[in-house]
């Protein structure tokens, strides 16, 4: 089973989750990831315990992977199931749904590349 999260293991630690210390602990798996030496030599190998820190219970937040895998971090989102009956009325499907959907997709108004090379018909716009 995955190890518990490294950050905020105690109630007192959870009070200031925006501190530099908490951020450093998250990014280094609580100090298990060793920084690359300035003298060269590249990224250091990690222990099996350090590699296990990337596996955790489902949650929302930042996912730090081993430095050997990537220098990027992932972002996770835990979505909870819901029933359509629990949606606010403004989100329920109605007669205006198609128009509202089109308004949220402005990228679809952009013509294709080929449309820029076609002769425009009088009174016709690209939409």
Foldseek 3Di string as FASTA:
>chain_A
DFDEAQACPDVVRVPCCPDPVNVVCNQCVHVQFDDADPVDDDGDDGDPNSQSNQDDDADFAWGHHHVVVDPDIDTHHDDDDDDPVPDDPVPDDDPCVVVVVVVVCPVVQDDDPVVVVDDDDPPDDRD
